[in-house]
Amino acid sequence: MSSAETPALRAQDLAQFTGSGTFYRHALSGGCVYSEGVQYLAEAGSAYWLLDAILCPQPHDPTLRNAEFQVWTLTVHEDRSATLVCTDGDGEGLYAQPVLWTDFALETVSLWFANSTLYLPSEH
């Protein structure tokens, strides 16, 4: 799909994903997969880097490996830097990564991770 054909990412488009029949394997994550909604987010938002930032640490970080449920939130700041934070769903911080610059289209997005699967909250 060329960039001219790639749809622009909008937050309301993510709400259309309410389940996933297809899962995509992430090659660098030790067997993790992600849902159709996350695939859409990565494609429409040119954000495969975000999938890498979330999934690549999974097999290597003991805190993440031991967390049954993770909430990942990317927040983009006015200067186009961003912060990627992972919590356990109850506000307990598990992981944080600064992003020096991003052209990600949304001000914020949250993804959930459980059972080696990354998905949109609406897909739960």
PDB file of N, CA and C in Angstrom:
ATOM      1  N   MET A   1       0.851  -1.175   0.000  1.00  0.00           N
ATOM      2  CA  MET A   1       0.000   0.000   0.000  1.00  0.00           C
ATOM      3  C   MET A   1       0.893   1.233   0.000  1.00  0.00           C
ATOM      4  N   SER A   2       0.700   2.112  -0.956  1.00  0.00           N
ATOM      5  CA  SER A   2       1.516   3.326  -1.005  1.00  0.00           C
ATOM      6  C   SER A   2       1.001   4.335   0.002  1.00  0.00           C
ATOM      7  N   SER A   3       1.827   5.348   0.288  1.00  0.00           N
ATOM      8  CA  SER A   3       1.420   6.345   1.267  1.00  0.00           C
ATOM      9  C   SER A   3       0.185   7.103   0.797  1.00  0.00           C
ATOM     10  N   ALA A   4      -0.021   7.218  -0.519  1.00  0.00           N
ATOM     11  CA  ALA A   4      -1.208   7.881  -1.033  1.00  0.00           C
ATOM     12  C   ALA A   4      -2.466   7.064  -0.736  1.00  0.00           C
ATOM     13  N   GLU A   5      -2.319   5.752  -0.582  1.00  0.00           N
ATOM     14  CA  GLU A   5      -3.454   4.882  -0.312  1.00  0.00           C
ATOM     15  C   GLU A   5      -3.644   4.625   1.176  1.00  0.00           C
ATOM     16  N   THR A   6      -2.663   4.945   1.988  1.00  0.00           N
ATOM     17  CA  THR A   6      -2.731   4.685   3.418  1.00  0.00           C
ATOM     18  C   THR A   6      -3.716   5.646   4.066  1.00  0.00           C
ATOM     19  N   PRO A   7      -4.717   5.126   4.772  1.00  0.00           N
ATOM     20  CA  PRO A   7      -5.669   6.031   5.423  1.00  0.00           C
ATOM     21  C   PRO A   7      -5.005   6.790   6.563  1.00  0.00           C
ATOM     22  N   ALA A   8      -5.480   8.013   6.788  1.00  0.00           N
ATOM     23  CA  ALA A   8      -4.973   8.797   7.916  1.00  0.00           C
ATOM     24  C   ALA A   8      -5.574   8.234   9.203  1.00  0.00           C
ATOM     25  N   LEU A   9      -4.773   8.111  10.216  1.00  0.00           N
ATOM     26  CA  LEU A   9      -5.221   7.564  11.485  1.00  0.00           C
ATOM     27  C   LEU A   9      -6.056   8.582  12.243  1.00  0.00           C
ATOM     28  N   ARG A  10      -7.239   8.143  12.667  1.00  0.00           N
ATOM     29  CA  ARG A  10      -8.121   8.964  13.498  1.00  0.00           C
ATOM     30  C   ARG A  10      -8.560   8.112  14.682  1.00  0.00           C
ATOM     31  N   ALA A  11      -8.668   8.743  15.852  1.00  0.00           N
ATOM     32  CA  ALA A  11      -9.026   8.006  17.070  1.00  0.00           C
ATOM     33  C   ALA A  11     -10.353   7.277  16.917  1.00  0.00           C
ATOM     34  N   GLN A  12     -11.335   7.900  16.271  1.00  0.00           N
ATOM     35  CA  GLN A  12     -12.645   7.266  16.140  1.00  0.00           C
ATOM     36  C   GLN A  12     -12.588   6.004  15.274  1.00  0.00           C
ATOM     37  N   ASP A  13     -11.607   5.905  14.388  1.00  0.00           N
ATOM     38  CA  ASP A  13     -11.477   4.704  13.558  1.00  0.00           C
ATOM     39  C   ASP A  13     -11.078   3.488  14.395  1.00  0.00           C
ATOM     40  N   LEU A  14     -10.349   3.717  15.471  1.00  0.00           N
ATOM     41  CA  LEU A  14      -9.898   2.607  16.300  1.00  0.00           C
ATOM     42  C   LEU A  14     -11.055   1.942  17.033  1.00  0.00           C
ATOM     43  N   ALA A  15     -12.118   2.703  17.301  1.00  0.00           N
ATOM     44  CA  ALA A  15     -13.273   2.170  18.032  1.00  0.00           C
ATOM     45  C   ALA A  15     -14.030   1.114  17.226  1.00  0.00           C
ATOM     46  N   GLN A  16     -13.826   1.058  15.914  1.00  0.00           N
ATOM     47  CA  GLN A  16     -14.521   0.064  15.082  1.00  0.00           C
ATOM     48  C   GLN A  16     -14.024  -1.356  15.335  1.00  0.00           C
ATOM     49  N   PHE A  17     -12.877  -1.484  15.968  1.00  0.00           N
ATOM     50  CA  PHE A  17     -12.307  -2.809  16.219  1.00  0.00           C
ATOM     51  C   PHE A  17     -12.813  -3.319  17.563  1.00  0.00           C
ATOM     52  N   THR A  18     -13.601  -4.388  17.521  1.00  0.00           N
ATOM     53  CA  THR A  18     -14.227  -4.913  18.736  1.00  0.00           C
ATOM     54  C   THR A  18     -13.891  -6.375  18.979  1.00  0.00           C
ATOM     55  N   GLY A  19     -12.990  -6.893  18.230  1.00  0.00           N
ATOM     56  CA  GLY A  19     -12.549  -8.276  18.384  1.00  0.00           C
ATOM     57  C   GLY A  19     -11.592  -8.548  17.247  1.00  0.00           C
ATOM     58  N   SER A  20     -10.902  -9.646  17.300  1.00  0.00           N
ATOM     59  CA  SER A  20      -9.931  -9.921  16.245  1.00  0.00           C
ATOM     60  C   SER A  20      -9.937 -11.399  15.914  1.00  0.00           C
ATOM     61  N   GLY A  21     -10.139 -11.687  14.639  1.00  0.00           N
ATOM     62  CA  GLY A  21     -10.066 -13.061  14.172  1.00  0.00           C
ATOM     63  C   GLY A  21      -8.703 -13.393  13.601  1.00  0.00           C
ATOM     64  N   THR A  22      -7.925 -12.351  13.354  1.00  0.00           N
ATOM     65  CA  THR A  22      -6.597 -12.519  12.780  1.00  0.00           C
ATOM     66  C   THR A  22      -5.573 -11.891  13.713  1.00  0.00           C
ATOM     67  N   PHE A  23      -4.483 -12.603  13.928  1.00  0.00           N
ATOM     68  CA  PHE A  23      -3.401 -12.071  14.746  1.00  0.00           C
ATOM     69  C   PHE A  23      -2.115 -12.108  13.929  1.00  0.00           C
ATOM     70  N   TYR A  24      -1.269 -11.133  14.177  1.00  0.00           N
ATOM     71  CA  TYR A  24      -0.008 -10.967  13.456  1.00  0.00           C
ATOM     72  C   TYR A  24       1.137 -11.237  14.411  1.00  0.00           C
ATOM     73  N   ARG A  25       2.083 -12.042  13.983  1.00  0.00           N
ATOM     74  CA  ARG A  25       3.229 -12.384  14.822  1.00  0.00           C
ATOM     75  C   ARG A  25       4.290 -11.300  14.700  1.00  0.00           C
ATOM     76  N   HIS A  26       4.837 -10.904  15.824  1.00  0.00           N
ATOM     77  CA  HIS A  26       5.915  -9.917  15.861  1.00  0.00           C
ATOM     78  C   HIS A  26       7.232 -10.684  15.976  1.00  0.00           C
ATOM     79  N   ALA A  27       8.062 -10.574  14.970  1.00  0.00           N
ATOM     80  CA  ALA A  27       9.257 -11.418  14.842  1.00  0.00           C
ATOM     81  C   ALA A  27      10.300 -11.222  15.948  1.00  0.00           C
ATOM     82  N   LEU A  28      10.359 -10.047  16.557  1.00  0.00           N
ATOM     83  CA  LEU A  28      11.437  -9.751  17.509  1.00  0.00           C
ATOM     84  C   LEU A  28      10.988  -9.787  18.962  1.00  0.00           C
ATOM     85  N   SER A  29       9.840 -10.398  19.232  1.00  0.00           N
ATOM     86  CA  SER A  29       9.258 -10.302  20.566  1.00  0.00           C
ATOM     87  C   SER A  29       9.188 -11.617  21.322  1.00  0.00           C
ATOM     88  N   GLY A  30       9.817 -12.633  20.830  1.00  0.00           N
ATOM     89  CA  GLY A  30       9.771 -13.910  21.526  1.00  0.00           C
ATOM     90  C   GLY A  30       8.418 -14.596  21.456  1.00  0.00           C
ATOM     91  N   GLY A  31       7.684 -14.388  20.375  1.00  0.00           N
ATOM     92  CA  GLY A  31       6.415 -15.084  20.190  1.00  0.00           C
ATOM     93  C   GLY A  31       5.169 -14.264  20.445  1.00  0.00           C
ATOM     94  N   CYS A  32       5.287 -12.986  20.680  1.00  0.00           N
ATOM     95  CA  CYS A  32       4.110 -12.143  20.895  1.00  0.00           C
ATOM     96  C   CYS A  32       3.369 -11.916  19.581  1.00  0.00           C
ATOM     97  N   VAL A  33       2.070 -11.693  19.702  1.00  0.00           N
ATOM     98  CA  VAL A  33       1.231 -11.392  18.553  1.00  0.00           C
ATOM     99  C   VAL A  33       0.460 -10.101  18.818  1.00  0.00           C
ATOM    100  N   TYR A  34      -0.129  -9.549  17.753  1.00  0.00           N
ATOM    101  CA  TYR A  34      -0.960  -8.361  17.898  1.00  0.00           C
ATOM    102  C   TYR A  34      -2.193  -8.486  17.009  1.00  0.00           C
ATOM    103  N   SER A  35      -3.214  -7.756  17.384  1.00  0.00           N
ATOM    104  CA  SER A  35      -4.546  -7.876  16.793  1.00  0.00           C
ATOM    105  C   SER A  35      -4.689  -7.085  15.486  1.00  0.00           C
ATOM    106  N   GLU A  36      -5.836  -7.270  14.852  1.00  0.00           N
ATOM    107  CA  GLU A  36      -6.162  -6.529  13.633  1.00  0.00           C
ATOM    108  C   GLU A  36      -6.227  -5.021  13.895  1.00  0.00           C
ATOM    109  N   GLY A  37      -6.767  -4.630  15.032  1.00  0.00           N
ATOM    110  CA  GLY A  37      -6.840  -3.205  15.370  1.00  0.00           C
ATOM    111  C   GLY A  37      -5.467  -2.589  15.532  1.00  0.00           C
ATOM    112  N   VAL A  38      -4.560  -3.316  16.151  1.00  0.00           N
ATOM    113  CA  VAL A  38      -3.184  -2.826  16.320  1.00  0.00           C
ATOM    114  C   VAL A  38      -2.489  -2.782  14.962  1.00  0.00           C
ATOM    115  N   GLN A  39      -2.762  -3.748  14.101  1.00  0.00           N
ATOM    116  CA  GLN A  39      -2.217  -3.729  12.740  1.00  0.00           C
ATOM    117  C   GLN A  39      -2.690  -2.474  12.004  1.00  0.00           C
ATOM    118  N   TYR A  40      -3.976  -2.156  12.142  1.00  0.00           N
ATOM    119  CA  TYR A  40      -4.521  -0.948  11.525  1.00  0.00           C
ATOM    120  C   TYR A  40      -3.826   0.300  12.069  1.00  0.00           C
ATOM    121  N   LEU A  41      -3.674   0.380  13.385  1.00  0.00           N
ATOM    122  CA  LEU A  41      -3.002   1.518  14.008  1.00  0.00           C
ATOM    123  C   LEU A  41      -1.583   1.668  13.461  1.00  0.00           C
ATOM    124  N   ALA A  42      -0.859   0.571  13.358  1.00  0.00           N
ATOM    125  CA  ALA A  42       0.522   0.618  12.863  1.00  0.00           C
ATOM    126  C   ALA A  42       0.575   1.048  11.399  1.00  0.00           C
ATOM    127  N   GLU A  43      -0.348   0.532  10.600  1.00  0.00           N
ATOM    128  CA  GLU A  43      -0.364   0.860   9.167  1.00  0.00           C
ATOM    129  C   GLU A  43      -0.828   2.292   8.932  1.00  0.00           C
ATOM    130  N   ALA A  44      -1.996   2.642   9.445  1.00  0.00           N
ATOM    131  CA  ALA A  44      -2.568   3.970   9.201  1.00  0.00           C
ATOM    132  C   ALA A  44      -1.783   5.073   9.911  1.00  0.00           C
ATOM    133  N   GLY A  45      -1.148   4.736  11.032  1.00  0.00           N
ATOM    134  CA  GLY A  45      -0.400   5.731  11.793  1.00  0.00           C
ATOM    135  C   GLY A  45       1.093   5.696  11.558  1.00  0.00           C
ATOM    136  N   SER A  46       1.537   4.884  10.583  1.00  0.00           N
ATOM    137  CA  SER A  46       2.980   4.716  10.346  1.00  0.00           C
ATOM    138  C   SER A  46       3.692   4.489  11.669  1.00  0.00           C
ATOM    139  N   ALA A  47       3.160   3.532  12.451  1.00  0.00           N
ATOM    140  CA  ALA A  47       3.622   3.366  13.830  1.00  0.00           C
ATOM    141  C   ALA A  47       4.097   1.949  14.137  1.00  0.00           C
ATOM    142  N   TYR A  48       4.727   1.306  13.177  1.00  0.00           N
ATOM    143  CA  TYR A  48       5.319   0.008  13.499  1.00  0.00           C
ATOM    144  C   TYR A  48       6.399   0.168  14.564  1.00  0.00           C
ATOM    145  N   TRP A  49       6.999   1.345  14.641  1.00  0.00           N
ATOM    146  CA  TRP A  49       7.992   1.628  15.684  1.00  0.00           C
ATOM    147  C   TRP A  49       7.371   1.492  17.074  1.00  0.00           C
ATOM    148  N   LEU A  50       6.077   1.842  17.188  1.00  0.00           N
ATOM    149  CA  LEU A  50       5.396   1.738  18.476  1.00  0.00           C
ATOM    150  C   LEU A  50       5.224   0.275  18.879  1.00  0.00           C
ATOM    151  N   LEU A  51       4.898  -0.572  17.922  1.00  0.00           N
ATOM    152  CA  LEU A  51       4.795  -2.008  18.198  1.00  0.00           C
ATOM    153  C   LEU A  51       6.140  -2.544  18.653  1.00  0.00           C
ATOM    154  N   ASP A  52       7.213  -2.126  17.975  1.00  0.00           N
ATOM    155  CA  ASP A  52       8.555  -2.557  18.375  1.00  0.00           C
ATOM    156  C   ASP A  52       8.873  -2.100  19.797  1.00  0.00           C
ATOM    157  N   ALA A  53       8.530  -0.845  20.122  1.00  0.00           N
ATOM    158  CA  ALA A  53       8.839  -0.297  21.445  1.00  0.00           C
ATOM    159  C   ALA A  53       8.107  -1.052  22.553  1.00  0.00           C
ATOM    160  N   ILE A  54       6.922  -1.560  22.253  1.00  0.00           N
ATOM    161  CA  ILE A  54       6.139  -2.292  23.251  1.00  0.00           C
ATOM    162  C   ILE A  54       6.514  -3.770  23.293  1.00  0.00           C
ATOM    163  N   LEU A  55       6.666  -4.376  22.130  1.00  0.00           N
ATOM    164  CA  LEU A  55       6.824  -5.831  22.076  1.00  0.00           C
ATOM    165  C   LEU A  55       8.265  -6.321  22.200  1.00  0.00           C
ATOM    166  N   CYS A  56       9.228  -5.581  21.720  1.00  0.00           N
ATOM    167  CA  CYS A  56      10.618  -6.041  21.808  1.00  0.00           C
ATOM    168  C   CYS A  56      11.114  -6.228  23.237  1.00  0.00           C
ATOM    169  N   PRO A  57      10.743  -5.369  24.197  1.00  0.00           N
ATOM    170  CA  PRO A  57      11.221  -5.584  25.569  1.00  0.00           C
ATOM    171  C   PRO A  57      10.541  -6.752  26.291  1.00  0.00           C
ATOM    172  N   GLN A  58       9.420  -7.246  25.796  1.00  0.00           N
ATOM    173  CA  GLN A  58       8.639  -8.243  26.521  1.00  0.00           C
ATOM    174  C   GLN A  58       9.462  -9.457  26.976  1.00  0.00           C
ATOM    175  N   PRO A  59      10.254 -10.090  26.102  1.00  0.00           N
ATOM    176  CA  PRO A  59      10.975 -11.283  26.563  1.00  0.00           C
ATOM    177  C   PRO A  59      12.223 -10.981  27.397  1.00  0.00           C
ATOM    178  N   HIS A  60      12.649  -9.721  27.419  1.00  0.00           N
ATOM    179  CA  HIS A  60      13.925  -9.375  28.054  1.00  0.00           C
ATOM    180  C   HIS A  60      13.779  -8.676  29.405  1.00  0.00           C
ATOM    181  N   ASP A  61      12.643  -8.046  29.658  1.00  0.00           N
ATOM    182  CA  ASP A  61      12.459  -7.272  30.880  1.00  0.00           C
ATOM    183  C   ASP A  61      11.695  -8.115  31.896  1.00  0.00           C
ATOM    184  N   PRO A  62      12.320  -8.477  33.025  1.00  0.00           N
ATOM    185  CA  PRO A  62      11.656  -9.349  34.005  1.00  0.00           C
ATOM    186  C   PRO A  62      10.368  -8.751  34.573  1.00  0.00           C
ATOM    187  N   THR A  63      10.325  -7.432  34.739  1.00  0.00           N
ATOM    188  CA  THR A  63       9.112  -6.794  35.253  1.00  0.00           C
ATOM    189  C   THR A  63       7.955  -7.008  34.280  1.00  0.00           C
ATOM    190  N   LEU A  64       8.221  -6.830  32.994  1.00  0.00           N
ATOM    191  CA  LEU A  64       7.179  -7.033  31.986  1.00  0.00           C
ATOM    192  C   LEU A  64       6.802  -8.504  31.871  1.00  0.00           C
ATOM    193  N   ARG A  65       7.791  -9.375  31.894  1.00  0.00           N
ATOM    194  CA  ARG A  65       7.507 -10.824  31.793  1.00  0.00           C
ATOM    195  C   ARG A  65       6.593 -11.294  32.911  1.00  0.00           C
ATOM    196  N   ASN A  66       6.734 -10.716  34.090  1.00  0.00           N
ATOM    197  CA  ASN A  66       5.952 -11.141  35.255  1.00  0.00           C
ATOM    198  C   ASN A  66       4.603 -10.451  35.378  1.00  0.00           C
ATOM    199  N   ALA A  67       4.336  -9.461  34.550  1.00  0.00           N
ATOM    200  CA  ALA A  67       3.063  -8.731  34.619  1.00  0.00           C
ATOM    201  C   ALA A  67       2.006  -9.453  33.790  1.00  0.00           C
ATOM    202  N   GLU A  68       0.925  -9.848  34.436  1.00  0.00           N
ATOM    203  CA  GLU A  68      -0.150 -10.553  33.731  1.00  0.00           C
ATOM    204  C   GLU A  68      -0.891  -9.644  32.768  1.00  0.00           C
ATOM    205  N   PHE A  69      -0.989  -8.363  33.111  1.00  0.00           N
ATOM    206  CA  PHE A  69      -1.728  -7.397  32.304  1.00  0.00           C
ATOM    207  C   PHE A  69      -0.943  -6.098  32.259  1.00  0.00           C
ATOM    208  N   GLN A  70      -0.893  -5.501  31.079  1.00  0.00           N
ATOM    209  CA  GLN A  70      -0.156  -4.250  30.903  1.00  0.00           C
ATOM    210  C   GLN A  70      -1.007  -3.255  30.122  1.00  0.00           C
ATOM    211  N   VAL A  71      -0.961  -2.008  30.536  1.00  0.00           N
ATOM    212  CA  VAL A  71      -1.582  -0.910  29.801  1.00  0.00           C
ATOM    213  C   VAL A  71      -0.449  -0.008  29.319  1.00  0.00           C
ATOM    214  N   TRP A  72      -0.330   0.126  28.012  1.00  0.00           N
ATOM    215  CA  TRP A  72       0.695   0.964  27.402  1.00  0.00           C
ATOM    216  C   TRP A  72       0.034   2.232  26.885  1.00  0.00           C
ATOM    217  N   THR A  73       0.570   3.384  27.266  1.00  0.00           N
ATOM    218  CA  THR A  73       0.007   4.665  26.838  1.00  0.00           C
ATOM    219  C   THR A  73       1.108   5.525  26.241  1.00  0.00           C
ATOM    220  N   LEU A  74       0.868   5.942  25.004  1.00  0.00           N
ATOM    221  CA  LEU A  74       1.757   6.886  24.334  1.00  0.00           C
ATOM    222  C   LEU A  74       1.096   8.254  24.417  1.00  0.00           C
ATOM    223  N   THR A  75       1.834   9.225  24.935  1.00  0.00           N
ATOM    224  CA  THR A  75       1.354  10.598  25.016  1.00  0.00           C
ATOM    225  C   THR A  75       2.320  11.479  24.233  1.00  0.00           C
ATOM    226  N   VAL A  76       1.789  12.169  23.222  1.00  0.00           N
ATOM    227  CA  VAL A  76       2.601  13.048  22.380  1.00  0.00           C
ATOM    228  C   VAL A  76       2.479  14.472  22.919  1.00  0.00           C
ATOM    229  N   HIS A  77       3.615  15.111  23.100  1.00  0.00           N
ATOM    230  CA  HIS A  77       3.668  16.466  23.655  1.00  0.00           C
ATOM    231  C   HIS A  77       3.687  17.500  22.530  1.00  0.00           C
ATOM    232  N   GLU A  78       3.464  18.764  22.877  1.00  0.00           N
ATOM    233  CA  GLU A  78       3.398  19.838  21.877  1.00  0.00           C
ATOM    234  C   GLU A  78       4.668  19.958  21.046  1.00  0.00           C
ATOM    235  N   ASP A  79       5.822  19.659  21.637  1.00  0.00           N
ATOM    236  CA  ASP A  79       7.086  19.771  20.900  1.00  0.00           C
ATOM    237  C   ASP A  79       7.376  18.531  20.051  1.00  0.00           C
ATOM    238  N   ARG A  80       6.405  17.619  19.943  1.00  0.00           N
ATOM    239  CA  ARG A  80       6.454  16.383  19.155  1.00  0.00           C
ATOM    240  C   ARG A  80       7.311  15.304  19.812  1.00  0.00           C
ATOM    241  N   SER A  81       7.803  15.548  21.020  1.00  0.00           N
ATOM    242  CA  SER A  81       8.390  14.455  21.786  1.00  0.00           C
ATOM    243  C   SER A  81       7.216  13.674  22.366  1.00  0.00           C
ATOM    244  N   ALA A  82       7.494  12.531  22.944  1.00  0.00           N
ATOM    245  CA  ALA A  82       6.418  11.721  23.503  1.00  0.00           C
ATOM    246  C   ALA A  82       6.950  10.898  24.666  1.00  0.00           C
ATOM    247  N   THR A  83       6.025  10.342  25.410  1.00  0.00           N
ATOM    248  CA  THR A  83       6.356   9.444  26.499  1.00  0.00           C
ATOM    249  C   THR A  83       5.537   8.177  26.328  1.00  0.00           C
ATOM    250  N   LEU A  84       6.201   7.036  26.401  1.00  0.00           N
ATOM    251  CA  LEU A  84       5.542   5.739  26.354  1.00  0.00           C
ATOM    252  C   LEU A  84       5.660   5.133  27.740  1.00  0.00           C
ATOM    253  N   VAL A  85       4.519   4.900  28.372  1.00  0.00           N
ATOM    254  CA  VAL A  85       4.486   4.409  29.745  1.00  0.00           C
ATOM    255  C   VAL A  85       3.665   3.134  29.802  1.00  0.00           C
ATOM    256  N   CYS A  86       4.153   2.179  30.584  1.00  0.00           N
ATOM    257  CA  CYS A  86       3.430   0.938  30.819  1.00  0.00           C
ATOM    258  C   CYS A  86       3.081   0.852  32.302  1.00  0.00           C
ATOM    259  N   THR A  87       1.802   0.551  32.583  1.00  0.00           N
ATOM    260  CA  THR A  87       1.368   0.310  33.956  1.00  0.00           C
ATOM    261  C   THR A  87       0.709  -1.062  34.018  1.00  0.00           C
ATOM    262  N   ASP A  88       0.404  -1.467  35.241  1.00  0.00           N
ATOM    263  CA  ASP A  88      -0.241  -2.777  35.438  1.00  0.00           C
ATOM    264  C   ASP A  88      -1.760  -2.693  35.361  1.00  0.00           C
ATOM    265  N   GLY A  89      -2.295  -1.552  34.969  1.00  0.00           N
ATOM    266  CA  GLY A  89      -3.732  -1.368  34.893  1.00  0.00           C
ATOM    267  C   GLY A  89      -4.310  -0.759  36.153  1.00  0.00           C
ATOM    268  N   ASP A  90      -3.549  -0.802  37.250  1.00  0.00           N
ATOM    269  CA  ASP A  90      -3.962  -0.196  38.511  1.00  0.00           C
ATOM    270  C   ASP A  90      -3.096   1.006  38.857  1.00  0.00           C
ATOM    271  N   GLY A  91      -2.354   1.510  37.863  1.00  0.00           N
ATOM    272  CA  GLY A  91      -1.538   2.695  38.073  1.00  0.00           C
ATOM    273  C   GLY A  91      -0.107   2.434  38.507  1.00  0.00           C
ATOM    274  N   GLU A  92       0.242   1.185  38.759  1.00  0.00           N
ATOM    275  CA  GLU A  92       1.616   0.843  39.154  1.00  0.00           C
ATOM    276  C   GLU A  92       2.511   0.863  37.913  1.00  0.00           C
ATOM    277  N   GLY A  93       3.505   1.753  37.894  1.00  0.00           N
ATOM    278  CA  GLY A  93       4.404   1.874  36.755  1.00  0.00           C
ATOM    279  C   GLY A  93       5.295   0.658  36.590  1.00  0.00           C
ATOM    280  N   LEU A  94       5.380   0.165  35.358  1.00  0.00           N
ATOM    281  CA  LEU A  94       6.212  -0.996  35.054  1.00  0.00           C
ATOM    282  C   LEU A  94       7.384  -0.655  34.130  1.00  0.00           C
ATOM    283  N   TYR A  95       7.205   0.343  33.287  1.00  0.00           N
ATOM    284  CA  TYR A  95       8.190   0.625  32.249  1.00  0.00           C
ATOM    285  C   TYR A  95       7.896   2.019  31.696  1.00  0.00           C
ATOM    286  N   ALA A  96       8.911   2.740  31.309  1.00  0.00           N
ATOM    287  CA  ALA A  96       8.732   4.042  30.665  1.00  0.00           C
ATOM    288  C   ALA A  96       9.856   4.255  29.672  1.00  0.00           C
ATOM    289  N   GLN A  97       9.512   4.879  28.563  1.00  0.00           N
ATOM    290  CA  GLN A  97      10.507   5.159  27.537  1.00  0.00           C
ATOM    291  C   GLN A  97      10.215   6.528  26.926  1.00  0.00           C
ATOM    292  N   PRO A  98      11.198   7.423  26.928  1.00  0.00           N
ATOM    293  CA  PRO A  98      11.002   8.690  26.236  1.00  0.00           C
ATOM    294  C   PRO A  98      11.128   8.481  24.723  1.00  0.00           C
ATOM    295  N   VAL A  99      10.384   9.261  23.975  1.00  0.00           N
ATOM    296  CA  VAL A  99      10.473   9.272  22.513  1.00  0.00           C
ATOM    297  C   VAL A  99      10.890  10.688  22.151  1.00  0.00           C
ATOM    298  N   LEU A 100      12.058  10.829  21.572  1.00  0.00           N
ATOM    299  CA  LEU A 100      12.599  12.162  21.321  1.00  0.00           C
ATOM    300  C   LEU A 100      11.793  12.955  20.306  1.00  0.00           C
ATOM    301  N   TRP A 101      11.258  12.268  19.283  1.00  0.00           N
ATOM    302  CA  TRP A 101      10.449  12.951  18.275  1.00  0.00           C
ATOM    303  C   TRP A 101       9.553  11.930  17.611  1.00  0.00           C
ATOM    304  N   THR A 102       8.316  12.341  17.319  1.00  0.00           N
ATOM    305  CA  THR A 102       7.396  11.484  16.594  1.00  0.00           C
ATOM    306  C   THR A 102       6.448  12.329  15.763  1.00  0.00           C
ATOM    307  N   ASP A 103       6.007  11.758  14.651  1.00  0.00           N
ATOM    308  CA  ASP A 103       4.963  12.393  13.849  1.00  0.00           C
ATOM    309  C   ASP A 103       3.639  11.632  14.013  1.00  0.00           C
ATOM    310  N   PHE A 104       3.526  10.878  15.095  1.00  0.00           N
ATOM    311  CA  PHE A 104       2.311  10.111  15.353  1.00  0.00           C
ATOM    312  C   PHE A 104       1.109  11.053  15.358  1.00  0.00           C
ATOM    313  N   ALA A 105       0.031  10.655  14.692  1.00  0.00           N
ATOM    314  CA  ALA A 105      -1.105  11.538  14.423  1.00  0.00           C
ATOM    315  C   ALA A 105      -1.985  11.831  15.635  1.00  0.00           C
ATOM    316  N   LEU A 106      -2.020  10.950  16.607  1.00  0.00           N
ATOM    317  CA  LEU A 106      -2.901  11.133  17.752  1.00  0.00           C
ATOM    318  C   LEU A 106      -2.142  11.731  18.938  1.00  0.00           C
ATOM    319  N   GLU A 107      -2.854  12.472  19.784  1.00  0.00           N
ATOM    320  CA  GLU A 107      -2.225  13.028  20.985  1.00  0.00           C
ATOM    321  C   GLU A 107      -1.924  11.944  21.999  1.00  0.00           C
ATOM    322  N   THR A 108      -2.763  10.933  22.043  1.00  0.00           N
ATOM    323  CA  THR A 108      -2.556   9.821  22.960  1.00  0.00           C
ATOM    324  C   THR A 108      -3.232   8.579  22.405  1.00  0.00           C
ATOM    325  N   VAL A 109      -2.678   7.441  22.782  1.00  0.00           N
ATOM    326  CA  VAL A 109      -3.286   6.158  22.439  1.00  0.00           C
ATOM    327  C   VAL A 109      -2.891   5.168  23.528  1.00  0.00           C
ATOM    328  N   SER A 110      -3.824   4.269  23.847  1.00  0.00           N
ATOM    329  CA  SER A 110      -3.539   3.215  24.818  1.00  0.00           C
ATOM    330  C   SER A 110      -3.725   1.861  24.161  1.00  0.00           C
ATOM    331  N   LEU A 111      -2.837   0.951  24.513  1.00  0.00           N
ATOM    332  CA  LEU A 111      -2.897  -0.428  24.043  1.00  0.00           C
ATOM    333  C   LEU A 111      -2.800  -1.337  25.249  1.00  0.00           C
ATOM    334  N   TRP A 112      -3.426  -2.482  25.172  1.00  0.00           N
ATOM    335  CA  TRP A 112      -3.388  -3.447  26.260  1.00  0.00           C
ATOM    336  C   TRP A 112      -2.587  -4.663  25.827  1.00  0.00           C
ATOM    337  N   PHE A 113      -1.909  -5.268  26.789  1.00  0.00           N
ATOM    338  CA  PHE A 113      -1.104  -6.456  26.523  1.00  0.00           C
ATOM    339  C   PHE A 113      -1.388  -7.491  27.594  1.00  0.00           C
ATOM    340  N   ALA A 114      -1.777  -8.677  27.179  1.00  0.00           N
ATOM    341  CA  ALA A 114      -2.003  -9.798  28.090  1.00  0.00           C
ATOM    342  C   ALA A 114      -1.888 -11.090  27.290  1.00  0.00           C
ATOM    343  N   ASN A 115      -1.445 -12.153  27.938  1.00  0.00           N
ATOM    344  CA  ASN A 115      -1.324 -13.466  27.281  1.00  0.00           C
ATOM    345  C   ASN A 115      -0.539 -13.394  25.975  1.00  0.00           C
ATOM    346  N   SER A 116       0.549 -12.641  25.990  1.00  0.00           N
ATOM    347  CA  SER A 116       1.439 -12.465  24.835  1.00  0.00           C
ATOM    348  C   SER A 116       0.752 -11.831  23.636  1.00  0.00           C
ATOM    349  N   THR A 117      -0.338 -11.072  23.882  1.00  0.00           N
ATOM    350  CA  THR A 117      -1.100 -10.455  22.801  1.00  0.00           C
ATOM    351  C   THR A 117      -1.288  -8.967  23.067  1.00  0.00           C
ATOM    352  N   LEU A 118      -0.972  -8.147  22.055  1.00  0.00           N
ATOM    353  CA  LEU A 118      -1.181  -6.707  22.111  1.00  0.00           C
ATOM    354  C   LEU A 118      -2.468  -6.374  21.360  1.00  0.00           C
ATOM    355  N   TYR A 119      -3.363  -5.600  21.991  1.00  0.00           N
ATOM    356  CA  TYR A 119      -4.637  -5.287  21.358  1.00  0.00           C
ATOM    357  C   TYR A 119      -5.155  -3.932  21.819  1.00  0.00           C
ATOM    358  N   LEU A 120      -6.137  -3.415  21.083  1.00  0.00           N
ATOM    359  CA  LEU A 120      -6.797  -2.185  21.461  1.00  0.00           C
ATOM    360  C   LEU A 120      -7.759  -2.474  22.606  1.00  0.00           C
ATOM    361  N   PRO A 121      -7.978  -1.510  23.498  1.00  0.00           N
ATOM    362  CA  PRO A 121      -8.951  -1.740  24.573  1.00  0.00           C
ATOM    363  C   PRO A 121     -10.327  -2.145  24.045  1.00  0.00           C
ATOM    364  N   SER A 122     -10.741  -1.623  22.915  1.00  0.00           N
ATOM    365  CA  SER A 122     -12.052  -1.959  22.354  1.00  0.00           C
ATOM    366  C   SER A 122     -12.122  -3.405  21.864  1.00  0.00           C
ATOM    367  N   GLU A 123     -10.969  -4.051  21.720  1.00  0.00           N
ATOM    368  CA  GLU A 123     -10.934  -5.438  21.245  1.00  0.00           C
ATOM    369  C   GLU A 123     -10.979  -6.446  22.398  1.00  0.00           C
ATOM    370  N   HIS A 124     -11.014  -5.970  23.618  1.00  0.00           N
ATOM    371  CA  HIS A 124     -11.015  -6.855  24.785  1.00  0.00           C
ATOM    372  C   HIS A 124     -12.330  -7.613  24.875  1.00  0.00           C
TER     373      HIS A 124
END
